[in-house]
C-alpha atoms as a PDB file:
ATOM      1  CA  UNK A   1       6.705  14.375 -19.440  1.00  0.00           C
ATOM      2  CA  UNK A   2       7.312  10.678 -19.941  1.00  0.00           C
ATOM      3  CA  UNK A   3       9.937   8.517 -18.332  1.00  0.00           C
ATOM      4  CA  UNK A   4      11.496   5.866 -20.515  1.00  0.00           C
ATOM      5  CA  UNK A   5      11.030   2.417 -19.023  1.00  0.00           C
ATOM      6  CA  UNK A   6      13.811  -0.053 -19.655  1.00  0.00           C
ATOM      7  CA  UNK A   7      12.441  -3.146 -21.357  1.00  0.00           C
ATOM      8  CA  UNK A   8      14.039  -6.516 -21.909  1.00  0.00           C
ATOM      9  CA  UNK A   9      14.822  -5.598 -25.500  1.00  0.00           C
ATOM     10  CA  UNK A  10      16.513  -2.323 -24.522  1.00  0.00           C
ATOM     11  CA  UNK A  11      18.471  -3.710 -21.584  1.00  0.00           C
ATOM     12  CA  UNK A  12      22.090  -4.700 -22.011  1.00  0.00           C
ATOM     13  CA  UNK A  13      22.712  -8.429 -22.449  1.00  0.00           C
ATOM     14  CA  UNK A  14      23.271 -10.300 -19.203  1.00  0.00           C
ATOM     15  CA  UNK A  15      26.720 -11.443 -20.344  1.00  0.00           C
ATOM     16  CA  UNK A  16      28.036  -7.929 -21.003  1.00  0.00           C
ATOM     17  CA  UNK A  17      30.834  -6.985 -18.589  1.00  0.00           C
ATOM     18  CA  UNK A  18      29.982  -4.177 -16.182  1.00  0.00           C
ATOM     19  CA  UNK A  19      31.981  -1.019 -16.619  1.00  0.00           C
ATOM     20  CA  UNK A  20      33.952   0.053 -13.563  1.00  0.00           C
ATOM     21  CA  UNK A  21      32.490   3.555 -13.697  1.00  0.00           C
ATOM     22  CA  UNK A  22      28.888   2.413 -14.251  1.00  0.00           C
ATOM     23  CA  UNK A  23      26.214   4.022 -12.114  1.00  0.00           C
ATOM     24  CA  UNK A  24      25.040   1.948  -9.146  1.00  0.00           C
ATOM     25  CA  UNK A  25      22.043  -0.256  -9.833  1.00  0.00           C
ATOM     26  CA  UNK A  26      18.828   0.636  -7.996  1.00  0.00           C
ATOM     27  CA  UNK A  27      17.893  -2.269  -5.726  1.00  0.00           C
ATOM     28  CA  UNK A  28      14.619  -3.285  -4.125  1.00  0.00           C
ATOM     29  CA  UNK A  29      14.218  -3.474  -0.344  1.00  0.00           C
ATOM     30  CA  UNK A  30      15.538  -6.584   1.446  1.00  0.00           C
ATOM     31  CA  UNK A  31      12.043  -7.863   2.253  1.00  0.00           C
ATOM     32  CA  UNK A  32       9.936  -6.949  -0.722  1.00  0.00           C
ATOM     33  CA  UNK A  33       6.670  -5.148  -0.266  1.00  0.00           C
ATOM     34  CA  UNK A  34       4.887  -8.183  -1.691  1.00  0.00           C
ATOM     35  CA  UNK A  35       6.566 -10.470   0.869  1.00  0.00           C
ATOM     36  CA  UNK A  36       5.315  -8.246   3.682  1.00  0.00           C
ATOM     37  CA  UNK A  37       1.723  -8.353   2.417  1.00  0.00           C
ATOM     38  CA  UNK A  38       1.872 -12.127   1.968  1.00  0.00           C
ATOM     39  CA  UNK A  39       3.279 -12.478   5.507  1.00  0.00           C
ATOM     40  CA  UNK A  40       0.681 -10.216   7.144  1.00  0.00           C
ATOM     41  CA  UNK A  41      -2.244 -11.573   5.107  1.00  0.00           C
ATOM     42  CA  UNK A  42      -3.377  -7.941   4.805  1.00  0.00           C
ATOM     43  CA  UNK A  43      -4.347  -8.099   8.491  1.00  0.00           C
ATOM     44  CA  UNK A  44      -1.660  -5.878  10.031  1.00  0.00           C
ATOM     45  CA  UNK A  45      -2.966  -2.416   9.255  1.00  0.00           C
ATOM     46  CA  UNK A  46       0.143  -0.550  10.349  1.00  0.00           C
ATOM     47  CA  UNK A  47       2.599  -2.749   8.438  1.00  0.00           C
ATOM     48  CA  UNK A  48       0.418  -2.904   5.339  1.00  0.00           C
ATOM     49  CA  UNK A  49       0.000   0.879   5.359  1.00  0.00           C
ATOM     50  CA  UNK A  50       3.745   1.408   5.740  1.00  0.00           C
ATOM     51  CA  UNK A  51       4.407  -0.881   2.774  1.00  0.00           C
ATOM     52  CA  UNK A  52       1.919   0.998   0.599  1.00  0.00           C
ATOM     53  CA  UNK A  53       3.438   4.328   1.639  1.00  0.00           C
ATOM     54  CA  UNK A  54       6.961   3.049   0.910  1.00  0.00           C
ATOM     55  CA  UNK A  55       5.848   1.952  -2.540  1.00  0.00           C
ATOM     56  CA  UNK A  56       4.202   5.338  -3.124  1.00  0.00           C
ATOM     57  CA  UNK A  57       7.368   7.156  -2.101  1.00  0.00           C
ATOM     58  CA  UNK A  58       9.513   4.996  -4.351  1.00  0.00           C
ATOM     59  CA  UNK A  59       7.200   5.641  -7.310  1.00  0.00           C
ATOM     60  CA  UNK A  60       7.400   9.390  -6.739  1.00  0.00           C
ATOM     61  CA  UNK A  61      11.191   9.314  -6.357  1.00  0.00           C
ATOM     62  CA  UNK A  62      11.843   7.261  -9.497  1.00  0.00           C
ATOM     63  CA  UNK A  63      13.985   9.625 -11.521  1.00  0.00           C
ATOM     64  CA  UNK A  64      15.740   7.304 -13.947  1.00  0.00           C
ATOM     65  CA  UNK A  65      14.658   4.521 -16.288  1.00  0.00           C
ATOM     66  CA  UNK A  66      16.290   1.904 -14.040  1.00  0.00           C
ATOM     67  CA  UNK A  67      14.488   3.191 -10.948  1.00  0.00           C
ATOM     68  CA  UNK A  68      11.187   3.380 -12.817  1.00  0.00           C
ATOM     69  CA  UNK A  69      11.592  -0.210 -14.001  1.00  0.00           C
ATOM     70  CA  UNK A  70      12.478  -1.637 -10.588  1.00  0.00           C
ATOM     71  CA  UNK A  71       9.864   0.386  -8.730  1.00  0.00           C
ATOM     72  CA  UNK A  72       7.068  -0.432 -11.169  1.00  0.00           C
ATOM     73  CA  UNK A  73       7.985  -4.115 -11.006  1.00  0.00           C
ATOM     74  CA  UNK A  74       8.003  -4.065  -7.189  1.00  0.00           C
ATOM     75  CA  UNK A  75       4.705  -2.159  -7.085  1.00  0.00           C
ATOM     76  CA  UNK A  76       3.202  -4.664  -9.527  1.00  0.00           C
ATOM     77  CA  UNK A  77       4.345  -7.553  -7.315  1.00  0.00           C
ATOM     78  CA  UNK A  78       2.881  -5.742  -4.286  1.00  0.00           C
ATOM     79  CA  UNK A  79      -0.529  -5.487  -5.932  1.00  0.00           C
ATOM     80  CA  UNK A  80      -0.414  -9.074  -7.187  1.00  0.00           C
ATOM     81  CA  UNK A  81       0.307 -10.092  -3.574  1.00  0.00           C
ATOM     82  CA  UNK A  82      -2.638  -7.983  -2.379  1.00  0.00           C
ATOM     83  CA  UNK A  83      -4.884  -9.635  -4.963  1.00  0.00           C
ATOM     84  CA  UNK A  84      -3.610 -13.076  -3.934  1.00  0.00           C
ATOM     85  CA  UNK A  85      -4.216 -12.407  -0.238  1.00  0.00           C
ATOM     86  CA  UNK A  86      -7.724 -11.140  -0.981  1.00  0.00           C
ATOM     87  CA  UNK A  87      -8.554 -14.538  -2.489  1.00  0.00           C
ATOM     88  CA  UNK A  88      -7.560 -16.209   0.792  1.00  0.00           C
ATOM     89  CA  UNK A  89     -10.565 -17.063   2.965  1.00  0.00           C
ATOM     90  CA  UNK A  90      -8.544 -16.130   6.088  1.00  0.00           C
ATOM     91  CA  UNK A  91      -8.176 -12.527   4.882  1.00  0.00           C
ATOM     92  CA  UNK A  92     -10.073 -10.301   7.347  1.00  0.00           C
ATOM     93  CA  UNK A  93     -11.060  -7.698   4.737  1.00  0.00           C
ATOM     94  CA  UNK A  94     -14.804  -7.270   4.195  1.00  0.00           C
ATOM     95  CA  UNK A  95     -16.206  -8.649   0.888  1.00  0.00           C
ATOM     96  CA  UNK A  96     -17.120  -5.245  -0.582  1.00  0.00           C
ATOM     97  CA  UNK A  97     -13.665  -3.871   0.213  1.00  0.00           C
ATOM     98  CA  UNK A  98     -12.085  -7.005  -1.264  1.00  0.00           C
ATOM     99  CA  UNK A  99     -13.952  -6.437  -4.518  1.00  0.00           C
ATOM    100  CA  UNK A 100     -12.839  -2.792  -4.661  1.00  0.00           C
ATOM    101  CA  UNK A 101      -9.217  -3.713  -3.942  1.00  0.00           C
ATOM    102  CA  UNK A 102      -9.300  -6.403  -6.641  1.00  0.00           C
ATOM    103  CA  UNK A 103     -10.503  -3.757  -9.132  1.00  0.00           C
ATOM    104  CA  UNK A 104      -7.706  -1.424  -8.066  1.00  0.00           C
ATOM    105  CA  UNK A 105      -5.224  -4.271  -8.425  1.00  0.00           C
ATOM    106  CA  UNK A 106      -6.417  -4.781 -11.997  1.00  0.00           C
ATOM    107  CA  UNK A 107      -5.883  -1.063 -12.689  1.00  0.00           C
ATOM    108  CA  UNK A 108      -2.326  -1.287 -11.345  1.00  0.00           C
ATOM    109  CA  UNK A 109      -1.614  -4.371 -13.452  1.00  0.00           C
ATOM    110  CA  UNK A 110      -2.970  -2.850 -16.664  1.00  0.00           C
ATOM    111  CA  UNK A 111      -1.214   0.491 -16.094  1.00  0.00           C
ATOM    112  CA  UNK A 112       2.071  -1.270 -15.385  1.00  0.00           C
ATOM    113  CA  UNK A 113       1.715  -3.546 -18.405  1.00  0.00           C
ATOM    114  CA  UNK A 114       1.194  -0.510 -20.635  1.00  0.00           C
ATOM    115  CA  UNK A 115       4.423   0.892 -19.261  1.00  0.00           C
ATOM    116  CA  UNK A 116       6.342  -2.180 -20.405  1.00  0.00           C
ATOM    117  CA  UNK A 117       5.587  -1.152 -23.967  1.00  0.00           C
ATOM    118  CA  UNK A 118       7.730   1.981 -23.804  1.00  0.00           C
ATOM    119  CA  UNK A 119       7.474   5.212 -21.883  1.00  0.00           C
ATOM    120  CA  UNK A 120       5.272   5.862 -18.880  1.00  0.00           C
ATOM    121  CA  UNK A 121       3.964   9.326 -18.219  1.00  0.00           C
ATOM    122  CA  UNK A 122       4.915  10.931 -14.934  1.00  0.00           C
ATOM    123  CA  UNK A 123       1.201  11.449 -14.326  1.00  0.00           C
ATOM    124  CA  UNK A 124       0.705   7.653 -14.324  1.00  0.00           C
ATOM    125  CA  UNK A 125       3.490   7.189 -11.758  1.00  0.00           C
ATOM    126  CA  UNK A 126       1.853   9.860  -9.603  1.00  0.00           C
ATOM    127  CA  UNK A 127      -1.531   8.163 -10.081  1.00  0.00           C
ATOM    128  CA  UNK A 128      -0.131   4.825  -8.898  1.00  0.00           C
ATOM    129  CA  UNK A 129       1.565   6.530  -5.935  1.00  0.00           C
ATOM    130  CA  UNK A 130      -1.642   8.336  -4.953  1.00  0.00           C
ATOM    131  CA  UNK A 131      -3.576   5.098  -5.173  1.00  0.00           C
ATOM    132  CA  UNK A 132      -1.134   3.493  -2.721  1.00  0.00           C
ATOM    133  CA  UNK A 133      -1.330   6.517  -0.384  1.00  0.00           C
ATOM    134  CA  UNK A 134      -5.128   6.552  -0.432  1.00  0.00           C
ATOM    135  CA  UNK A 135      -5.362   2.846   0.354  1.00  0.00           C
ATOM    136  CA  UNK A 136      -2.891   3.265   3.233  1.00  0.00           C
ATOM    137  CA  UNK A 137      -4.933   6.175   4.594  1.00  0.00           C
ATOM    138  CA  UNK A 138      -8.144   4.181   4.251  1.00  0.00           C
ATOM    139  CA  UNK A 139      -6.662   1.215   6.101  1.00  0.00           C
ATOM    140  CA  UNK A 140      -5.535   3.422   8.972  1.00  0.00           C
ATOM    141  CA  UNK A 141      -8.847   5.290   9.116  1.00  0.00           C
ATOM    142  CA  UNK A 142     -10.840   2.055   9.184  1.00  0.00           C
ATOM    143  CA  UNK A 143      -8.574   0.678  11.901  1.00  0.00           C
ATOM    144  CA  UNK A 144      -9.010   3.833  13.978  1.00  0.00           C
ATOM    145  CA  UNK A 145     -12.814   3.685  13.617  1.00  0.00           C
ATOM    146  CA  UNK A 146     -12.887   0.036  14.706  1.00  0.00           C
ATOM    147  CA  UNK A 147     -10.795   0.914  17.757  1.00  0.00           C
ATOM    148  CA  UNK A 148     -13.187   3.747  18.658  1.00  0.00           C
ATOM    149  CA  UNK A 149     -16.208   1.490  18.193  1.00  0.00           C
ATOM    150  CA  UNK A 150     -14.721  -1.233  20.418  1.00  0.00           C
ATOM    151  CA  UNK A 151     -13.723   1.275  23.119  1.00  0.00           C
ATOM    152  CA  UNK A 152     -17.158   2.973  23.031  1.00  0.00           C
ATOM    153  CA  UNK A 153     -18.765  -0.429  23.570  1.00  0.00           C
ATOM    154  CA  UNK A 154     -16.449  -1.090  26.534  1.00  0.00           C
ATOM    155  CA  UNK A 155     -17.321   2.303  28.041  1.00  0.00           C
ATOM    156  CA  UNK A 156     -21.047   1.588  27.549  1.00  0.00           C
ATOM    157  CA  UNK A 157     -20.673  -1.729  29.350  1.00  0.00           C
ATOM    158  CA  UNK A 158     -18.581  -0.169  32.159  1.00  0.00           C
ATOM    159  CA  UNK A 159     -21.307   2.481  32.654  1.00  0.00           C
ATOM    160  CA  UNK A 160     -23.961  -0.231  33.089  1.00  0.00           C
ATOM    161  CA  UNK A 161     -25.312  -0.233  29.507  1.00  0.00           C
ATOM    162  CA  UNK A 162     -27.378   2.948  29.777  1.00  0.00           C
ATOM    163  CA  UNK A 163     -29.661   3.967  26.912  1.00  0.00           C
ATOM    164  CA  UNK A 164     -29.403   7.308  25.125  1.00  0.00           C
ATOM    165  CA  UNK A 165     -25.721   8.031  25.857  1.00  0.00           C
ATOM    166  CA  UNK A 166     -24.215   6.619  22.666  1.00  0.00           C
ATOM    167  CA  UNK A 167     -22.773   9.933  21.522  1.00  0.00           C
ATOM    168  CA  UNK A 168     -21.163  10.564  24.910  1.00  0.00           C
ATOM    169  CA  UNK A 169     -19.552   7.110  24.856  1.00  0.00           C
ATOM    170  CA  UNK A 170     -18.411   7.561  21.259  1.00  0.00           C
ATOM    171  CA  UNK A 171     -16.839  10.962  21.923  1.00  0.00           C
ATOM    172  CA  UNK A 172     -15.071   9.675  25.036  1.00  0.00           C
ATOM    173  CA  UNK A 173     -13.744   6.670  23.105  1.00  0.00           C
ATOM    174  CA  UNK A 174     -12.696   8.900  20.220  1.00  0.00           C
ATOM    175  CA  UNK A 175     -10.718  11.141  22.580  1.00  0.00           C
ATOM    176  CA  UNK A 176      -8.988   8.132  24.165  1.00  0.00           C
ATOM    177  CA  UNK A 177      -8.072   6.579  20.803  1.00  0.00           C
ATOM    178  CA  UNK A 178      -6.896   9.940  19.425  1.00  0.00           C
ATOM    179  CA  UNK A 179      -4.704  10.259  22.504  1.00  0.00           C
ATOM    180  CA  UNK A 180      -3.209   6.833  21.766  1.00  0.00           C
ATOM    181  CA  UNK A 181      -2.437   7.802  18.178  1.00  0.00           C
ATOM    182  CA  UNK A 182      -0.844  11.094  19.273  1.00  0.00           C
ATOM    183  CA  UNK A 183       1.269   9.305  21.877  1.00  0.00           C
ATOM    184  CA  UNK A 184       2.557   6.868  19.225  1.00  0.00           C
ATOM    185  CA  UNK A 185       3.661   9.611  16.814  1.00  0.00           C
END
């Protein structure tokens, strides 16, 4: 099944009067997803993950040509912002991850550009949504692992830096961090 994407040539002229009974226009969030990424510099894992999940949800819920158009445009801007932030030397993302995210950004751009030429298949919308969800999950997982690593190191130091107890320290740190995540949800 394909969803028709409204293009500039198929849209009504800007000067046409709006009909009183016209359906409400789908609007983007107040702070765009791209603005959030540019503000956080892709360094606030929770906020960045939420933005990616919001974009994924919007892609999956797009059930009209207008919604598809707005959501694809916003998702495109989100990924252009991600690509822009990755070029910033202050971005805390590791070089290999930066390269992978830049490749994914190119996929999003090319998929979205193809959609501007007519209809986009529902499978492509789902693919873009899954990509956003997977990146959000990866960000959160990486953040959780860093927290465990830092806490395990603290435990090791508190225990007097003993040798051969790495697994014990890791498991204790993992339990503490998991407890923090459960308490937050």
